Amino acid sequence: MELQFEYVNIPKNNYFEYLAEEHLNPLAKKFPIVIEAKVLFKVENTSVNIDNVCLINLKTKESSIVVEAHETSIEQAIHKTSKSLENELQNTYKNN
């Protein structure tokens, strides 16, 4: 699986990329239909608090799945998006 990373309002961070890979690589092994993942890390400063975003666009041989999480930390957002992706893949490809 090919991985691409993009950062908005946050410097490049190898640790975030490592965490994303640790969550996404097992999904690619479990679901061989997965081809590519584009991961966006973003920090949005609002008047109330700081919003940490992880958006993953996962491409399969048949379609794309996009999930996004807004959390208090990038680590939590990575975890939440990977869990959402796994649930989506299981629901979509459970008969394959």
C-alpha atoms as a PDB file:
ATOM      1  CA  MET A   1       0.000   0.000   0.000  1.00  0.00           C
ATOM      2  CA  GLU A   2       1.240   3.444  -0.904  1.00  0.00           C
ATOM      3  CA  LEU A   3       1.030   6.118   1.812  1.00  0.00           C
ATOM      4  CA  GLN A   4       1.053   9.881   1.294  1.00  0.00           C
ATOM      5  CA  PHE A   5       1.058  12.477   4.052  1.00  0.00           C
ATOM      6  CA  GLU A   6      -0.003  16.116   4.025  1.00  0.00           C
ATOM      7  CA  TYR A   7       0.211  18.705   6.790  1.00  0.00           C
ATOM      8  CA  VAL A   8      -1.878  21.860   7.279  1.00  0.00           C
ATOM      9  CA  ASN A   9      -0.990  24.373  10.004  1.00  0.00           C
ATOM     10  CA  ILE A  10       1.358  21.831  11.567  1.00  0.00           C
ATOM     11  CA  PRO A  11       5.005  20.933  10.865  1.00  0.00           C
ATOM     12  CA  LYS A  12       5.922  17.552   9.398  1.00  0.00           C
ATOM     13  CA  ASN A  13       6.068  14.965  12.159  1.00  0.00           C
ATOM     14  CA  ASN A  14       7.649  11.532  11.693  1.00  0.00           C
ATOM     15  CA  TYR A  15       5.946  10.224  14.832  1.00  0.00           C
ATOM     16  CA  PHE A  16       2.466  10.951  13.425  1.00  0.00           C
ATOM     17  CA  GLU A  17       3.434   9.218  10.179  1.00  0.00           C
ATOM     18  CA  TYR A  18       4.716   6.227  12.155  1.00  0.00           C
ATOM     19  CA  LEU A  19       1.447   5.999  14.128  1.00  0.00           C
ATOM     20  CA  ALA A  20      -0.628   6.199  10.966  1.00  0.00           C
ATOM     21  CA  GLU A  21       1.471   3.462   9.326  1.00  0.00           C
ATOM     22  CA  GLU A  22       1.123   1.265  12.423  1.00  0.00           C
ATOM     23  CA  HIS A  23      -2.664   1.521  12.127  1.00  0.00           C
ATOM     24  CA  LEU A  24      -2.990   1.352   8.332  1.00  0.00           C
ATOM     25  CA  ASN A  25      -0.529  -1.406   7.401  1.00  0.00           C
ATOM     26  CA  PRO A  26      -2.480  -4.134   9.262  1.00  0.00           C
ATOM     27  CA  LEU A  27      -5.633  -2.984   7.468  1.00  0.00           C
ATOM     28  CA  ALA A  28      -3.894  -3.324   4.112  1.00  0.00           C
ATOM     29  CA  LYS A  29      -2.815  -6.856   5.036  1.00  0.00           C
ATOM     30  CA  LYS A  30      -6.281  -7.798   6.275  1.00  0.00           C
ATOM     31  CA  PHE A  31      -7.978  -6.249   3.229  1.00  0.00           C
ATOM     32  CA  PRO A  32      -5.743  -6.801   0.159  1.00  0.00           C
ATOM     33  CA  ILE A  33      -8.153  -4.690  -1.881  1.00  0.00           C
ATOM     34  CA  VAL A  34      -6.575  -1.554  -0.295  1.00  0.00           C
ATOM     35  CA  ILE A  35      -4.232   0.239  -2.726  1.00  0.00           C
ATOM     36  CA  GLU A  36      -3.378   3.637  -1.273  1.00  0.00           C
ATOM     37  CA  ALA A  37      -3.967   5.948   1.670  1.00  0.00           C
ATOM     38  CA  LYS A  38      -3.685   9.716   1.728  1.00  0.00           C
ATOM     39  CA  VAL A  39      -3.427  11.048   5.263  1.00  0.00           C
ATOM     40  CA  LEU A  40      -3.994  14.691   6.174  1.00  0.00           C
ATOM     41  CA  PHE A  41      -2.959  16.079   9.548  1.00  0.00           C
ATOM     42  CA  LYS A  42      -4.374  19.487  10.381  1.00  0.00           C
ATOM     43  CA  VAL A  43      -4.592  21.787  13.376  1.00  0.00           C
ATOM     44  CA  GLU A  44      -7.446  24.271  13.464  1.00  0.00           C
ATOM     45  CA  ASN A  45      -7.252  27.057  16.015  1.00  0.00           C
ATOM     46  CA  THR A  46     -10.733  28.092  17.015  1.00  0.00           C
ATOM     47  CA  SER A  47     -11.714  30.761  19.483  1.00  0.00           C
ATOM     48  CA  VAL A  48     -12.706  28.078  21.985  1.00  0.00           C
ATOM     49  CA  ASN A  49      -9.964  25.448  21.652  1.00  0.00           C
ATOM     50  CA  ILE A  50      -7.486  23.764  19.342  1.00  0.00           C
ATOM     51  CA  ASP A  51      -8.956  21.134  17.029  1.00  0.00           C
ATOM     52  CA  ASN A  52      -6.648  18.349  15.837  1.00  0.00           C
ATOM     53  CA  VAL A  53      -7.793  16.677  12.646  1.00  0.00           C
ATOM     54  CA  CYS A  54      -6.819  13.460  10.931  1.00  0.00           C
ATOM     55  CA  LEU A  55      -8.438  12.808   7.568  1.00  0.00           C
ATOM     56  CA  ILE A  56      -7.731   9.589   5.676  1.00  0.00           C
ATOM     57  CA  ASN A  57      -8.730   8.937   2.082  1.00  0.00           C
ATOM     58  CA  LEU A  58      -8.323   5.196   1.546  1.00  0.00           C
ATOM     59  CA  LYS A  59      -8.426   3.964  -2.043  1.00  0.00           C
ATOM     60  CA  THR A  60      -9.395   0.404  -2.821  1.00  0.00           C
ATOM     61  CA  LYS A  61      -9.614  -1.437  -6.122  1.00  0.00           C
ATOM     62  CA  GLU A  62     -13.334  -0.653  -6.193  1.00  0.00           C
ATOM     63  CA  SER A  63     -13.873   2.690  -4.446  1.00  0.00           C
ATOM     64  CA  SER A  64     -12.614   5.259  -1.967  1.00  0.00           C
ATOM     65  CA  ILE A  65     -13.418   5.583   1.705  1.00  0.00           C
ATOM     66  CA  VAL A  66     -12.930   8.913   3.456  1.00  0.00           C
ATOM     67  CA  VAL A  67     -12.986   9.265   7.228  1.00  0.00           C
ATOM     68  CA  GLU A  68     -12.199  12.249   9.403  1.00  0.00           C
ATOM     69  CA  ALA A  69     -11.791  12.749  13.137  1.00  0.00           C
ATOM     70  CA  HIS A  70     -11.545  15.922  15.214  1.00  0.00           C
ATOM     71  CA  GLU A  71      -9.950  15.258  18.597  1.00  0.00           C
ATOM     72  CA  THR A  72      -7.935  16.931  21.340  1.00  0.00           C
ATOM     73  CA  SER A  73      -4.735  15.330  19.985  1.00  0.00           C
ATOM     74  CA  ILE A  74      -3.496  14.099  16.618  1.00  0.00           C
ATOM     75  CA  GLU A  75      -2.785  10.695  18.195  1.00  0.00           C
ATOM     76  CA  GLN A  76      -6.430  10.327  19.238  1.00  0.00           C
ATOM     77  CA  ALA A  77      -7.578  11.438  15.781  1.00  0.00           C
ATOM     78  CA  ILE A  78      -5.328   8.844  14.102  1.00  0.00           C
ATOM     79  CA  HIS A  79      -6.718   6.107  16.336  1.00  0.00           C
ATOM     80  CA  LYS A  80     -10.323   7.141  15.731  1.00  0.00           C
ATOM     81  CA  THR A  81      -9.947   7.352  11.930  1.00  0.00           C
ATOM     82  CA  SER A  82      -8.212   3.978  11.714  1.00  0.00           C
ATOM     83  CA  LYS A  83     -10.981   2.348  13.775  1.00  0.00           C
ATOM     84  CA  SER A  84     -13.613   3.961  11.540  1.00  0.00           C
ATOM     85  CA  LEU A  85     -11.785   2.699   8.446  1.00  0.00           C
ATOM     86  CA  GLU A  86     -11.611  -0.815   9.819  1.00  0.00           C
ATOM     87  CA  ASN A  87     -15.350  -0.809  10.575  1.00  0.00           C
ATOM     88  CA  GLU A  88     -16.132   0.585   7.135  1.00  0.00           C
ATOM     89  CA  LEU A  89     -13.945  -2.031   5.403  1.00  0.00           C
ATOM     90  CA  GLN A  90     -15.478  -4.864   7.440  1.00  0.00           C
ATOM     91  CA  ASN A  91     -18.997  -3.706   6.604  1.00  0.00           C
ATOM     92  CA  THR A  92     -18.231  -3.175   2.921  1.00  0.00           C
ATOM     93  CA  TYR A  93     -16.081  -6.223   2.228  1.00  0.00           C
ATOM     94  CA  LYS A  94     -17.258  -8.754   4.809  1.00  0.00           C
ATOM     95  CA  ASN A  95     -18.425 -11.132   2.066  1.00  0.00           C
ATOM     96  CA  ASN A  96     -15.083 -11.027   0.189  1.00  0.00           C
END
